Structures are given as C-alpha cells and as structure tokens.
Amino acid sequence: MRKAHRQTGVGVFAAMLFATTALAGSAQAHDGVSATDGAIDNAAASHGHDQHGGSDGHLPATQKNAQLVSKLKLSNVVEGKIADVGVHKVYAYLASWGGVGCDNTGVYVVDIRKPSKPKEVGFIPAPAGSAPGEGIQTVHLSTPSFNGDVLVSNNEICGETGSGGMNIYDVSNPTKPKALAEGVGDFTLGGEKTETARQIHSVFAWDAGRKAYAVIVDNEEGTDVDIMDITDPTKPQLIAEYDLDETFPQILQAAPDNLTEVFLHDMVVKNIRGRQVLLASYWDAGYVALDATDPKNLKYIGDTDFTDPDPEGTANGRDVAPEGHGHQAEFTLGNRYVIGADEDFGPYALSARNLDDNAAVTAGQGIPLEAGKTITGDTVHVGLGCNDSPAVPAGDPANVDIAVVERGVCTFTEKAADIEAAGGYDAVLVFNRTGSDACDAQSGMTVEGTLPTFGVAPPRPGLRRLRPALQQRGLPRRHRSRHPAGGHRHQGRPAHLLLALRRLGLRAPLPQQGREDDRAGHVRHSGEPGPRVRLRRR
C-alpha cells in the first residue's frame, strides 16, 4: 500500500527572550516561485503530516490540570476536518479545511456563552473549490470606513474552481455573517498577472487606529509576507510584499547546515508600547520580530536561533542538530517572552559524511528506513525518473541496487513510483542539480511510496562526485550526468559516504555508512552502476 510520508511529531514548547539579537547565516532559502515537486519550501507543503486528524504520528496524549467541559458534534464534519479555531467575545470560529475532502469547507460559528452547552449557530461557506486552514481570526475594526467585528480566513485550493487569497466577513452579528471580500490578495506570480490570487496558508488582521491591515502567508512565492490594507474591508488592497531572508539576511542561522527550509508559516501582530510588532514564524529561520507600524517599511527588531546541538538530544547524551521548523509563536501576557511551537517531524536525525575527505553532506529523509534495517548496495543513475522521460532501467534482483535520480521536471512521488515500477531497487537518492530548469535548493521532502527515499543537498566538497549534472552531448541533456568542472575526482579509488541516523531519545547513535566511486572524466549513462552505499537504521 502506497503511503504518504512527512515525518511528523509533536510541537516542542519553547520560551525565548523577546528582545534578541541574530546571527548572520548562510542557509539557503526559498526564493522565486515555490516548488511543486514535493519540496518543503512553503507553508502549504508542510501540510503533508499528521497535524490534523487522529493520533498517528504523535506521542500519547497527556492531561494535567485540565478538565473536559463539553463536546459538540458539528454538522457534516468528519475526522480531521477541523484545522483551526479562533475565539472572539462569546463565539468560536472553526475552520473546516480541504485536506480530507473539498466539500463542506468554510467556517463553523459556535455560541460558547455556556461552555457546558456549546451550540452551532451558523456556517460560512468558503469560495467554491477553496478551503481555509490555519488562518481563522476575528478582530474589531474601527476605521473611518468600517466599525464592527470582522472574521478573516485564508484560501487554499482544493478543487478545480478554487481561488486563493483571503476572505473578510462582517460578523458583528455572528448568526448573520456578511461577505465583505473574498479571494483577495496577490494577483501576480513571477511578475506576471494572474486571474486568481495566490494561495495563502494563514492570515492575521489588526486595527491600527484610523488604518487596518492584514498580513498573509503567500504559499507560491519567495516574497511570502504579503500585507493588505483593509481599512475599508470591502476594498482591500495589497500594499507590500517581503522575502524576509532577503530583506533581513541576519535572520538566517549560520549553523548547522540542515536548517535550509526558510519560509513564513504563521504570524501574529501585537501593539507593544506603541509599536505594531509582527512576530513571524519563519520555519528554519526561527521566530522573527519586526516593527510593522509602517507596513510599507518593516524594521528589524530581533530574531531567535535554534539551539545547536538540539537540547533534547543533549539531555539524552546525543549530539544532534536541531530540526528547526518554527511553526507558530505568541507573545506572553507581559510581552517579555514569546512562546514558540517548533514542529518536530521525527525522532531520528540523518547525517551524511564522505569519509574520503571527511566532508559533511546535507541530506534529508523522505521515506525513512525501517527500524533495524540495513541496506548496503550499488548506486545506479536512473536519469530523471519521470513519466515523460526515458524509462527507468530495471535494477538487478540478485543485487542490492540504490537508484540515484535527478531532481526536477516531476514530483518526488512520480520519481519514486517509476523507480518502484521498474523493479529491482532497494532505496532512492534524489540529487539536486544545477541548470536553467533545475531545482538546486535543498529542502525537506513530501513523498509517497514504499522504498526508502532520501534527498541530498546542492553540490559542495564531498558531494560532487555523486551529483548528476548536465551533459552537452550524446543523450539529451537532462538524461546524462558528468562531474562538474573542478569537482573532486579519483582515479579508480572509491570514496566512502557515511550516513548516520541518530535517535533523539534513549537509544544509541546509529551509524550508517556507504561508499561511492567514479572515475575521472567518466560520463555515467542511465542504468550504469555507480557508488556503493550502506544505509542502516535501528
């Protein structure tokens, strides 16, 4: 049975000083148009896990100093349908998202004046083919154009007629909501005009006196911090766009080098001592505080770094890198601290090292090895592994073969499926590549399949011998590989690649090692054997 993989875990509770300084970093960030191959380079791509729904992928639930007061069965709701909840005055607003079906998407309105007897009093349908997710908030606006309560929600597309952008509803009377604007936001992509607004993952609105604004998470571009003027909520206007790691490069963490997924996931804005402070949860760049008093001119206040090595691992005698994934943060009541929830996707950290030159290789897990399993075999370059590219050659059933596939053109899932269909392979390595149509930024992976699948970072010392690149002659460029100019080469002597999985809990570090070889000047054809690799996990 084919299964979707995005290693999931529980949020890690963390408290940090609000007034903080940053370290300049060199992590690669998501810039330009978002990838569509399963790379985790935008907020929507982080959906591929067990955050919503049942208890799979989570530690057992605990309860302390809390008492269940009541339960309410909402109409037309199935397990996993509710993605977010916001509360304003005596009403709760619950987002019905499209992750488990595109029907009945929108916002439930629940009267909670009597917490022991909550009552469903309304439903606000999302635009057809769209669904809200983690962006449900109600705020009171008092501007020259509007005085009342508004609900803001996000749109992610779940059907053919779907649209992106944000929605604004007048909920001054929550039992009779009125649509003020739907599907408004950024109507450009890569500099080109589009018919529908960009999909957004979340939205947060605030009243700034005579003006009102909303900040939204753009799922589809590197400029993923979009700010809307909603002073007149019937005529919202996009007034600013930011790529925070470009505007404020100091937010990038210098080390470790696995913190490469840099994008906005969520945010809040709070008036603190006369400043409108935007607190952005910027995934692997941590939590970023910005002065948004003038939304057209954001000013840097401070940001956080992830403790390296990971303190949970250190507490258990393990030296492992932090996973990052700043999901959501809020200010404490006195504004001295922020409370951040880092989304932990797995109990194992993967490290890779070329033992020939002792150079580290950045790699990520898509579909992990089973506990206790070891794979030692030869790598075989299989080209792009897409449905429209030359067929993946079959592996050798009598041998342990590890497919090396180039990233690009199609999704990770399509590549994994084609390799699995070819037969004879025991694992998959997806390599980034360079070129005009390439995807050379390292990121996490969402992939469906059964073969253990790993992603490897852009070329750097210790990795270049393994990287499929472009060939100018012979077979079509996208189906050939060679060493890059100036890359490390060996005359027939194998190099060795070490892959290690280390558990963050009580088990000992798990060595995984492998070896790879290639000859100077050799052009490897699709199906030709390459490095020998060993993968192990306990």
Protein backbone atom coordinates (compact mmCIF):
# COMPACT_ATOMS: atom_id res chain seq x y z
CA MET A 1 0.00 0.00 0.00
CA ARG A 2 1.38 3.40 -1.00
CA LYS A 3 1.76 5.73 1.92
CA ALA A 4 2.44 9.46 2.21
CA HIS A 5 5.48 10.36 4.24
CA ARG A 6 6.35 13.58 6.01
CA GLN A 7 7.90 12.63 9.31
CA THR A 8 5.58 14.05 11.91
CA GLY A 9 5.85 14.78 15.53
CA VAL A 10 4.64 16.93 18.32
CA GLY A 11 5.19 20.62 18.79
CA VAL A 12 8.08 21.44 21.09
CA PHE A 13 7.26 24.09 23.68
CA ALA A 14 9.95 26.75 23.90
CA ALA A 15 10.23 30.07 25.73
CA MET A 16 12.59 32.74 24.44
CA LEU A 17 13.52 36.27 25.39
CA PHE A 18 11.66 38.70 23.13
CA ALA A 19 14.47 41.26 22.83
CA THR A 20 17.07 39.22 20.99
CA THR A 21 19.89 39.57 18.52
CA ALA A 22 20.59 37.47 15.46
CA LEU A 23 23.49 35.62 13.90
CA ALA A 24 24.22 36.10 10.22
CA GLY A 25 23.76 32.83 8.40
CA SER A 26 24.30 31.07 5.13
CA ALA A 27 21.25 28.80 4.95
CA GLN A 28 19.63 28.55 1.56
CA ALA A 29 16.15 29.98 1.49
CA HIS A 30 13.06 29.63 -0.64
CA ASP A 31 13.19 32.37 -3.29
CA GLY A 32 11.25 32.86 -6.51
CA VAL A 33 8.24 30.70 -7.31
CA SER A 34 7.55 27.81 -4.92
CA ALA A 35 8.45 24.28 -5.96
CA THR A 36 5.67 21.86 -6.86
CA ASP A 37 7.58 18.58 -6.68
CA GLY A 38 7.03 17.82 -3.00
CA ALA A 39 9.81 20.02 -1.61
CA ILE A 40 9.05 21.64 1.73
CA ASP A 41 9.73 25.25 0.72
CA ASN A 42 6.43 26.92 1.60
CA ALA A 43 3.78 26.74 4.29
CA ALA A 44 1.28 24.70 2.29
CA ALA A 45 3.88 21.99 1.65
CA SER A 46 4.11 21.42 5.39
CA HIS A 47 0.55 20.00 5.28
CA GLY A 48 1.89 16.51 4.49
CA HIS A 49 1.94 15.24 8.03
CA ASP A 50 -0.33 14.17 10.86
CA GLN A 51 -1.04 17.55 12.41
CA HIS A 52 -4.75 17.28 11.73
CA GLY A 53 -6.84 14.21 12.41
CA GLY A 54 -6.14 11.24 14.67
CA SER A 55 -3.25 10.35 16.94
CA ASP A 56 -0.97 8.79 14.30
CA GLY A 57 2.49 10.31 14.31
CA HIS A 58 2.10 11.82 17.77
CA LEU A 59 3.24 10.96 21.26
CA PRO A 60 0.46 9.69 23.54
CA ALA A 61 -1.79 12.47 24.80
CA THR A 62 -1.46 13.60 28.40
CA GLN A 63 -3.75 15.60 30.65
CA LYS A 64 -2.86 17.65 33.71
CA ASN A 65 -4.78 20.41 35.47
CA ALA A 66 -7.37 20.40 32.70
CA GLN A 67 -10.95 19.20 32.69
CA LEU A 68 -13.14 18.40 29.69
CA VAL A 69 -16.22 20.60 29.96
CA SER A 70 -18.20 19.62 26.88
CA LYS A 71 -18.15 18.19 23.37
CA LEU A 72 -20.02 19.25 20.26
CA LYS A 73 -20.66 17.25 17.10
CA LEU A 74 -20.66 19.71 14.22
CA SER A 75 -22.84 19.06 11.19
CA ASN A 76 -21.22 17.46 8.12
CA VAL A 77 -17.83 17.05 9.80
CA VAL A 78 -15.59 14.01 9.51
CA GLU A 79 -12.46 13.20 11.48
CA GLY A 80 -9.60 15.53 10.64
CA LYS A 81 -11.86 18.19 9.08
CA ILE A 82 -11.31 20.96 11.65
CA ALA A 83 -7.97 22.67 11.08
CA ASP A 84 -8.07 25.76 13.29
CA VAL A 85 -10.18 27.65 15.82
CA GLY A 86 -10.45 31.29 16.78
CA VAL A 87 -12.46 32.84 19.61
CA HIS A 88 -13.92 36.35 19.76
CA LYS A 89 -16.18 37.52 22.55
CA VAL A 90 -18.61 34.64 23.13
CA TYR A 91 -18.28 32.86 19.79
CA ALA A 92 -15.84 30.31 18.43
CA TYR A 93 -14.98 30.09 14.73
CA LEU A 94 -13.76 26.71 13.47
CA ALA A 95 -12.09 26.20 10.09
CA SER A 96 -13.33 23.25 8.04
CA TRP A 97 -10.46 22.61 5.63
CA GLY A 98 -9.99 20.66 2.40
CA GLY A 99 -7.37 18.17 3.49
CA VAL A 100 -9.96 15.42 3.86
CA GLY A 101 -12.26 16.46 1.04
CA CYS A 102 -13.28 19.66 -0.75
CA ASP A 103 -16.92 19.52 0.34
CA ASN A 104 -18.30 21.47 3.31
CA THR A 105 -15.29 23.78 3.52
CA GLY A 106 -15.66 27.04 5.38
CA VAL A 107 -16.11 28.28 8.94
CA TYR A 108 -18.45 26.98 11.64
CA VAL A 109 -19.81 29.53 14.11
CA VAL A 110 -20.40 28.20 17.63
CA ASP A 111 -22.04 30.01 20.53
CA ILE A 112 -19.95 29.30 23.65
CA ARG A 113 -21.69 31.57 26.14
CA LYS A 114 -22.48 28.40 28.06
CA PRO A 115 -19.25 26.37 27.78
CA SER A 116 -21.03 23.29 29.06
CA LYS A 117 -23.60 23.60 26.25
CA PRO A 118 -21.93 24.95 23.08
CA LYS A 119 -24.32 25.46 20.17
CA GLU A 120 -23.67 25.55 16.43
CA VAL A 121 -25.35 28.72 15.16
CA GLY A 122 -24.02 29.17 11.64
CA PHE A 123 -21.72 28.16 8.81
CA ILE A 124 -19.82 30.46 6.43
CA PRO A 125 -19.02 28.56 3.22
CA ALA A 126 -15.63 29.10 1.61
CA PRO A 127 -15.44 30.12 -2.06
CA ALA A 128 -16.15 27.10 -4.29
CA GLY A 129 -13.11 24.85 -4.65
CA SER A 130 -11.28 26.58 -1.80
CA ALA A 131 -10.78 25.87 1.88
CA PRO A 132 -9.47 27.64 4.98
CA GLY A 133 -6.67 26.14 7.00
CA GLU A 134 -4.65 27.72 9.79
CA GLY A 135 -5.88 31.27 9.34
CA ILE A 136 -9.03 31.92 11.39
CA GLN A 137 -9.20 35.17 13.35
CA THR A 138 -11.83 37.70 14.37
CA VAL A 139 -10.97 41.29 15.26
CA HIS A 140 -12.84 44.52 15.93
CA LEU A 141 -12.12 47.29 13.40
CA SER A 142 -12.87 50.95 13.99
CA THR A 143 -11.80 52.95 10.94
CA PRO A 144 -13.41 55.82 9.00
CA SER A 145 -14.76 53.17 6.58
CA PHE A 146 -15.97 50.44 8.95
CA ASN A 147 -16.90 49.90 12.57
CA GLY A 148 -17.59 46.33 13.64
CA ASP A 149 -16.22 42.82 14.00
CA VAL A 150 -14.63 41.09 11.03
CA LEU A 151 -13.61 37.48 10.52
CA VAL A 152 -10.62 36.85 8.25
CA SER A 153 -9.84 33.45 6.73
CA ASN A 154 -7.39 32.02 4.21
CA ASN A 155 -7.95 30.16 0.95
CA GLU A 156 -6.02 27.13 -0.26
CA ILE A 157 -7.27 25.45 -3.42
CA CYS A 158 -8.84 22.00 -3.06
CA GLY A 159 -10.96 21.88 -6.25
CA GLU A 160 -10.91 22.89 -9.91
CA THR A 161 -12.74 26.18 -9.41
CA GLY A 162 -10.78 27.20 -6.32
CA SER A 163 -9.13 30.55 -5.68
CA GLY A 164 -6.51 31.79 -3.27
CA GLY A 165 -6.24 34.98 -1.26
CA MET A 166 -8.06 35.96 1.91
CA ASN A 167 -11.71 36.40 2.83
CA ILE A 168 -13.26 39.08 5.04
CA TYR A 169 -16.68 38.68 6.67
CA ASP A 170 -18.70 41.05 8.82
CA VAL A 171 -19.55 39.07 11.96
CA SER A 172 -20.84 41.95 14.05
CA ASN A 173 -23.88 39.69 14.27
CA PRO A 174 -22.22 36.22 14.24
CA THR A 175 -25.51 34.50 13.43
CA LYS A 176 -25.88 36.59 10.27
CA PRO A 177 -22.39 36.92 8.74
CA LYS A 178 -21.95 39.03 5.60
CA ALA A 179 -19.22 38.62 2.99
CA LEU A 180 -17.22 41.84 2.55
CA ALA A 181 -14.49 40.48 0.28
CA GLU A 182 -13.45 37.01 -0.91
CA GLY A 183 -10.37 35.74 -2.70
CA VAL A 184 -8.38 38.98 -2.42
CA GLY A 185 -4.59 39.10 -2.22
CA ASP A 186 -1.60 38.96 -4.54
CA PHE A 187 -2.65 38.63 -8.19
CA THR A 188 0.86 38.23 -9.59
CA LEU A 189 3.20 35.26 -9.88
CA GLY A 190 6.78 35.66 -11.01
CA GLY A 191 5.98 39.18 -12.18
CA GLU A 192 3.02 38.06 -14.32
CA LYS A 193 -0.63 38.93 -13.69
CA THR A 194 -2.94 36.05 -12.75
CA GLU A 195 -6.72 35.61 -12.72
CA THR A 196 -6.84 34.40 -9.13
CA ALA A 197 -4.91 35.45 -6.06
CA ARG A 198 -2.03 33.40 -4.69
CA GLN A 199 -2.99 30.64 -2.29
CA ILE A 200 -2.31 31.59 1.31
CA HIS A 201 -1.71 29.45 4.37
CA SER A 202 -2.73 31.88 7.08
CA VAL A 203 -3.89 35.45 7.74
CA PHE A 204 -3.75 37.81 10.71
CA ALA A 205 -5.51 41.20 10.88
CA TRP A 206 -5.04 44.14 13.21
CA ASP A 207 -6.60 47.54 13.90
CA ALA A 208 -4.03 50.36 13.81
CA GLY A 209 -6.34 53.26 14.64
CA ARG A 210 -7.51 55.04 11.53
CA LYS A 211 -6.00 52.24 9.42
CA ALA A 212 -6.33 48.46 9.49
CA TYR A 213 -4.12 45.80 7.95
CA ALA A 214 -3.82 42.06 7.41
CA VAL A 215 -0.66 40.03 6.83
CA ILE A 216 -0.98 36.85 4.79
CA VAL A 217 1.28 33.87 4.03
CA ASP A 218 1.88 33.58 0.28
CA ASN A 219 2.29 29.87 -0.49
CA GLU A 220 3.55 30.34 -4.02
CA GLU A 221 6.40 32.86 -3.94
CA GLY A 222 9.60 33.62 -2.06
CA THR A 223 8.08 37.01 -1.26
CA ASP A 224 5.78 35.21 1.13
CA VAL A 225 4.97 38.03 3.57
CA ASP A 226 2.14 39.97 1.90
CA ILE A 227 0.46 42.90 3.67
CA MET A 228 -3.04 44.09 2.81
CA ASP A 229 -4.64 47.42 3.68
CA ILE A 230 -8.14 46.54 4.95
CA THR A 231 -9.08 49.97 6.25
CA ASP A 232 -12.11 49.59 4.01
CA PRO A 233 -12.70 45.83 4.30
CA THR A 234 -14.87 45.89 1.17
CA LYS A 235 -11.91 47.19 -0.86
CA PRO A 236 -8.74 45.53 0.48
CA GLN A 237 -5.50 46.36 -1.32
CA LEU A 238 -2.08 44.70 -1.42
CA ILE A 239 0.45 47.32 -0.29
CA ALA A 240 3.67 45.42 0.40
CA GLU A 241 5.48 42.11 -0.20
CA TYR A 242 8.59 40.84 1.58
CA ASP A 243 11.03 37.97 1.41
CA LEU A 244 12.32 38.26 4.96
CA ASP A 245 15.58 36.39 4.47
CA GLU A 246 16.45 38.71 1.59
CA THR A 247 15.33 41.88 3.35
CA PHE A 248 16.86 40.84 6.68
CA PRO A 249 19.59 38.26 5.93
CA GLN A 250 20.64 38.28 9.59
CA ILE A 251 17.68 36.03 10.41
CA LEU A 252 19.42 33.05 8.76
CA GLN A 253 21.22 30.78 11.19
CA ALA A 254 24.88 30.16 10.31
CA ALA A 255 24.96 26.60 11.61
CA PRO A 256 24.04 23.80 11.41
CA ASP A 257 23.65 23.50 7.66
CA ASN A 258 20.46 21.42 7.76
CA LEU A 259 18.33 24.49 8.51
CA THR A 260 17.53 25.13 4.86
CA GLU A 261 13.72 25.32 4.80
CA VAL A 262 13.18 29.07 5.15
CA PHE A 263 9.67 30.45 4.66
CA LEU A 264 6.79 32.07 6.54
CA HIS A 265 4.42 29.63 8.20
CA ASP A 266 2.36 31.81 10.53
CA MET A 267 2.39 35.12 12.37
CA VAL A 268 0.72 37.41 14.90
CA VAL A 269 0.78 41.20 15.33
CA LYS A 270 0.52 42.93 18.71
CA ASN A 271 0.69 46.55 19.86
CA ILE A 272 3.64 46.69 22.26
CA ARG A 273 4.49 50.07 23.77
CA GLY A 274 3.09 51.93 20.79
CA ARG A 275 4.66 49.74 18.10
CA GLN A 276 2.80 47.22 15.97
CA VAL A 277 5.12 44.23 16.37
CA LEU A 278 4.86 41.45 13.78
CA LEU A 279 6.07 38.11 15.11
CA ALA A 280 6.76 35.84 12.13
CA SER A 281 7.23 32.08 12.50
CA TYR A 282 9.77 31.67 9.72
CA TRP A 283 10.33 27.91 9.86
CA ASP A 284 14.08 27.12 9.86
CA ALA A 285 14.97 30.81 10.32
CA GLY A 286 13.23 30.77 13.70
CA TYR A 287 10.95 33.46 15.10
CA VAL A 288 11.41 36.99 13.76
CA ALA A 289 10.17 40.20 15.43
CA LEU A 290 9.57 43.19 13.14
CA ASP A 291 8.20 46.69 13.64
CA ALA A 292 5.17 46.83 11.35
CA THR A 293 3.93 50.26 12.44
CA ASP A 294 4.59 51.30 8.84
CA PRO A 295 3.72 48.13 6.88
CA LYS A 296 5.43 49.53 3.78
CA ASN A 297 8.70 49.78 5.67
CA LEU A 298 9.17 46.87 8.05
CA LYS A 299 12.01 47.29 10.55
CA TYR A 300 14.03 44.50 12.13
CA ILE A 301 13.78 44.14 15.91
CA GLY A 302 15.27 40.71 16.62
CA ASP A 303 15.05 37.00 15.94
CA THR A 304 15.80 33.66 17.54
CA ASP A 305 18.19 30.84 16.67
CA PHE A 306 17.65 27.14 17.30
CA THR A 307 19.94 25.78 19.99
CA ASP A 308 22.75 23.70 18.47
CA PRO A 309 23.12 20.88 19.34
CA ASP A 310 19.48 20.03 19.99
CA PRO A 311 18.90 20.33 23.77
CA GLU A 312 16.60 17.30 23.87
CA GLY A 313 19.30 15.20 22.30
CA THR A 314 21.94 16.66 24.62
CA ALA A 315 19.80 15.79 27.64
CA ASN A 316 19.90 12.17 26.47
CA GLY A 317 23.62 12.12 25.70
CA ARG A 318 23.23 12.65 21.95
CA ASP A 319 24.92 15.28 19.79
CA VAL A 320 22.38 16.06 17.06
CA ALA A 321 21.47 19.16 15.09
CA PRO A 322 18.20 20.98 15.81
CA GLU A 323 15.38 20.23 13.40
CA GLY A 324 14.11 23.82 13.16
CA HIS A 325 10.52 24.16 11.91
CA GLY A 326 9.27 27.27 13.73
CA HIS A 327 5.53 26.68 13.30
CA GLN A 328 3.67 29.15 15.49
CA ALA A 329 4.51 31.66 18.23
CA GLU A 330 2.67 34.01 20.56
CA PHE A 331 3.71 36.78 22.94
CA THR A 332 3.30 36.22 26.66
CA LEU A 333 0.93 38.48 28.57
CA GLY A 334 3.70 40.85 29.66
CA ASN A 335 5.40 40.78 26.23
CA ARG A 336 8.77 39.83 27.71
CA TYR A 337 8.83 36.41 26.06
CA VAL A 338 7.47 34.64 23.05
CA ILE A 339 6.26 31.06 23.27
CA GLY A 340 7.21 29.13 20.15
CA ALA A 341 5.97 25.75 18.93
CA ASP A 342 8.60 24.02 16.82
CA GLU A 343 7.08 21.23 14.76
CA ASP A 344 9.12 18.06 15.32
CA PHE A 345 8.75 15.71 12.35
CA GLY A 346 10.72 12.70 13.54
CA PRO A 347 12.71 11.05 16.33
CA TYR A 348 15.74 10.48 14.10
CA ALA A 349 18.26 12.94 12.69
CA LEU A 350 20.04 12.00 9.48
CA SER A 351 23.66 12.95 8.91
CA ALA A 352 25.88 12.12 5.96
CA ARG A 353 29.66 12.30 5.58
CA ASN A 354 32.13 11.48 2.86
CA LEU A 355 34.80 9.52 4.68
CA ASP A 356 37.35 10.12 1.92
CA ASP A 357 37.69 13.82 2.65
CA ASN A 358 35.64 13.90 5.86
CA ALA A 359 33.29 16.44 4.30
CA ALA A 360 29.73 16.61 5.59
CA VAL A 361 26.85 16.10 3.18
CA THR A 362 23.44 17.61 3.89
CA ALA A 363 20.67 15.07 3.36
CA GLY A 364 17.03 14.77 4.32
CA GLN A 365 14.64 11.90 4.87
CA GLY A 366 11.59 11.46 2.70
CA ILE A 367 10.69 7.83 3.40
CA PRO A 368 12.96 6.56 6.18
CA LEU A 369 14.48 3.13 6.60
CA GLU A 370 12.62 0.76 8.84
CA ALA A 371 13.99 0.41 12.34
CA GLY A 372 16.80 -2.13 12.49
CA LYS A 373 17.15 -2.43 8.72
CA THR A 374 20.45 -2.09 6.87
CA ILE A 375 20.86 -1.59 3.13
CA THR A 376 24.28 -1.98 1.52
CA GLY A 377 24.35 -1.81 -2.25
CA ASP A 378 25.46 -0.22 -5.51
CA THR A 379 24.01 3.07 -6.71
CA VAL A 380 22.57 3.21 -10.23
CA HIS A 381 21.94 6.51 -12.01
CA VAL A 382 18.41 6.34 -13.46
CA GLY A 383 18.04 9.82 -15.01
CA LEU A 384 15.02 11.96 -14.20
CA GLY A 385 12.64 9.12 -13.40
CA CYS A 386 9.59 10.97 -14.77
CA ASN A 387 6.71 9.52 -16.75
CA ASP A 388 7.69 11.54 -19.83
CA SER A 389 11.42 10.86 -19.61
CA PRO A 390 13.27 7.70 -20.76
CA ALA A 391 12.16 4.66 -18.78
CA VAL A 392 13.96 3.82 -15.57
CA PRO A 393 16.12 0.75 -16.19
CA ALA A 394 15.32 -2.24 -14.03
CA GLY A 395 17.57 -2.93 -11.08
CA ASP A 396 19.26 -6.25 -10.56
CA PRO A 397 17.05 -8.51 -8.42
CA ALA A 398 20.12 -10.52 -7.49
CA ASN A 399 21.93 -7.42 -6.28
CA VAL A 400 21.13 -4.62 -3.81
CA ASP A 401 20.70 -1.54 -6.01
CA ILE A 402 20.10 2.03 -4.85
CA ALA A 403 18.58 4.32 -7.50
CA VAL A 404 20.14 7.77 -7.92
CA VAL A 405 17.59 10.07 -9.58
CA GLU A 406 17.90 13.71 -10.61
CA ARG A 407 15.55 16.24 -9.08
CA GLY A 408 13.40 18.28 -11.43
CA VAL A 409 10.57 18.20 -14.04
CA CYS A 410 8.23 15.96 -11.99
CA THR A 411 7.38 15.25 -8.36
CA PHE A 412 9.34 13.15 -5.90
CA THR A 413 6.35 10.82 -5.74
CA GLU A 414 6.36 10.29 -9.51
CA LYS A 415 10.08 9.51 -9.44
CA ALA A 416 9.67 7.07 -6.56
CA ALA A 417 6.73 5.38 -8.32
CA ASP A 418 8.65 4.97 -11.60
CA ILE A 419 11.66 3.52 -9.80
CA GLU A 420 9.46 1.16 -7.82
CA ALA A 421 7.65 0.08 -11.02
CA ALA A 422 10.96 -0.65 -12.76
CA GLY A 423 11.74 -3.16 -10.02
CA GLY A 424 14.98 -4.34 -8.52
CA TYR A 425 15.73 -1.29 -6.34
CA ASP A 426 16.05 -1.14 -2.58
CA ALA A 427 16.29 2.62 -1.93
CA VAL A 428 16.22 6.01 -3.70
CA LEU A 429 18.57 9.00 -3.51
CA VAL A 430 17.21 12.23 -5.04
CA PHE A 431 20.00 14.63 -6.05
CA ASN A 432 19.59 18.32 -6.68
CA ARG A 433 21.13 19.66 -9.85
CA THR A 434 22.06 22.96 -11.45
CA GLY A 435 20.89 24.43 -14.74
CA SER A 436 18.29 26.79 -16.22
CA ASP A 437 15.44 24.39 -15.39
CA ALA A 438 16.96 22.95 -12.24
CA CYS A 439 15.97 22.84 -8.60
CA ASP A 440 19.19 23.32 -6.68
CA ALA A 441 17.93 24.40 -3.26
CA GLN A 442 17.90 21.78 -0.53
CA SER A 443 14.62 21.27 1.28
CA GLY A 444 12.60 18.68 3.11
CA MET A 445 10.56 16.16 1.16
CA THR A 446 6.97 15.01 0.99
CA VAL A 447 6.86 11.78 -0.99
CA GLU A 448 4.58 8.77 -1.34
CA GLY A 449 5.93 5.30 -1.87
CA THR A 450 7.42 2.27 -0.17
CA LEU A 451 11.14 2.46 -0.98
CA PRO A 452 13.35 4.35 1.50
CA THR A 453 13.91 7.76 -0.12
CA PHE A 454 16.43 10.47 0.72
CA GLY A 455 17.18 13.94 -0.63
CA VAL A 456 20.70 15.34 -0.90
CA ALA A 457 21.77 18.98 -0.89
CA PRO A 458 23.32 21.04 -3.69
CA PRO A 459 26.91 20.19 -4.70
CA ARG A 460 29.71 21.05 -2.32
CA PRO A 461 33.02 19.45 -1.36
CA GLY A 462 32.47 15.81 -0.52
CA LEU A 463 29.32 15.56 -2.61
CA ARG A 464 30.34 16.49 -6.14
CA ARG A 465 31.34 13.01 -7.22
CA LEU A 466 27.78 11.87 -6.52
CA ARG A 467 25.89 14.72 -8.15
CA PRO A 468 24.22 14.05 -11.51
CA ALA A 469 24.83 17.19 -13.60
CA LEU A 470 24.16 18.14 -17.24
CA GLN A 471 25.85 16.72 -20.33
CA GLN A 472 26.12 18.72 -23.53
CA ARG A 473 26.46 15.86 -26.00
CA GLY A 474 25.13 12.38 -26.72
CA LEU A 475 21.89 11.70 -24.91
CA PRO A 476 19.51 14.60 -24.20
CA ARG A 477 21.00 16.91 -21.59
CA ARG A 478 18.55 16.07 -18.88
CA HIS A 479 19.29 12.34 -19.10
CA ARG A 480 23.07 12.39 -18.85
CA SER A 481 25.45 13.09 -16.00
CA ARG A 482 29.05 14.10 -15.56
CA HIS A 483 31.35 15.62 -12.98
CA PRO A 484 31.23 19.40 -12.70
CA ALA A 485 34.37 21.26 -13.70
CA GLY A 486 36.74 21.45 -10.78
CA GLY A 487 34.95 18.69 -8.88
CA HIS A 488 36.87 16.15 -6.78
CA ARG A 489 37.93 13.11 -8.83
CA HIS A 490 39.67 9.84 -8.15
CA GLN A 491 41.47 7.53 -10.49
CA GLY A 492 39.54 4.37 -9.76
CA ARG A 493 39.84 4.70 -5.97
CA PRO A 494 36.42 4.61 -4.26
CA ALA A 495 35.26 7.35 -1.96
CA HIS A 496 33.16 6.49 1.07
CA LEU A 497 29.89 8.05 2.14
CA LEU A 498 28.71 7.82 5.73
CA LEU A 499 25.01 8.15 6.51
CA ALA A 500 24.01 8.08 10.17
CA LEU A 501 20.63 8.16 11.87
CA ARG A 502 20.72 9.28 15.47
CA ARG A 503 17.72 8.94 17.70
CA LEU A 504 16.84 11.90 19.87
CA GLY A 505 15.64 9.58 22.64
CA LEU A 506 17.40 6.95 24.70
CA ARG A 507 18.85 4.70 22.02
CA ALA A 508 22.48 4.86 20.99
CA PRO A 509 23.64 6.70 17.83
CA LEU A 510 23.01 4.65 14.72
CA PRO A 511 25.94 4.53 12.32
CA GLN A 512 25.12 4.26 8.64
CA GLN A 513 27.89 4.24 6.15
CA GLY A 514 28.32 3.81 2.49
CA ARG A 515 30.84 4.21 -0.27
CA GLU A 516 30.76 5.59 -3.74
CA ASP A 517 33.17 5.68 -6.63
CA ASP A 518 33.50 7.15 -10.06
CA ARG A 519 36.36 7.58 -12.50
CA ALA A 520 37.80 10.88 -13.69
CA GLY A 521 36.12 12.15 -16.83
CA HIS A 522 33.63 9.26 -16.95
CA VAL A 523 30.12 10.01 -18.24
CA ARG A 524 27.62 7.78 -16.46
CA HIS A 525 24.67 6.65 -18.55
CA SER A 526 21.25 5.93 -17.14
CA GLY A 527 21.31 2.43 -15.69
CA GLU A 528 25.06 2.35 -15.19
CA PRO A 529 26.32 1.31 -11.73
CA GLY A 530 27.94 3.90 -9.52
CA PRO A 531 28.85 4.31 -5.84
CA ARG A 532 28.34 1.57 -3.29
CA VAL A 533 26.28 2.77 -0.33
CA ARG A 534 25.27 1.32 3.01
CA LEU A 535 22.21 2.56 4.87
CA ARG A 536 21.35 1.41 8.38
CA ARG A 537 18.74 2.27 10.95
CA ARG A 538 17.81 0.80 14.29
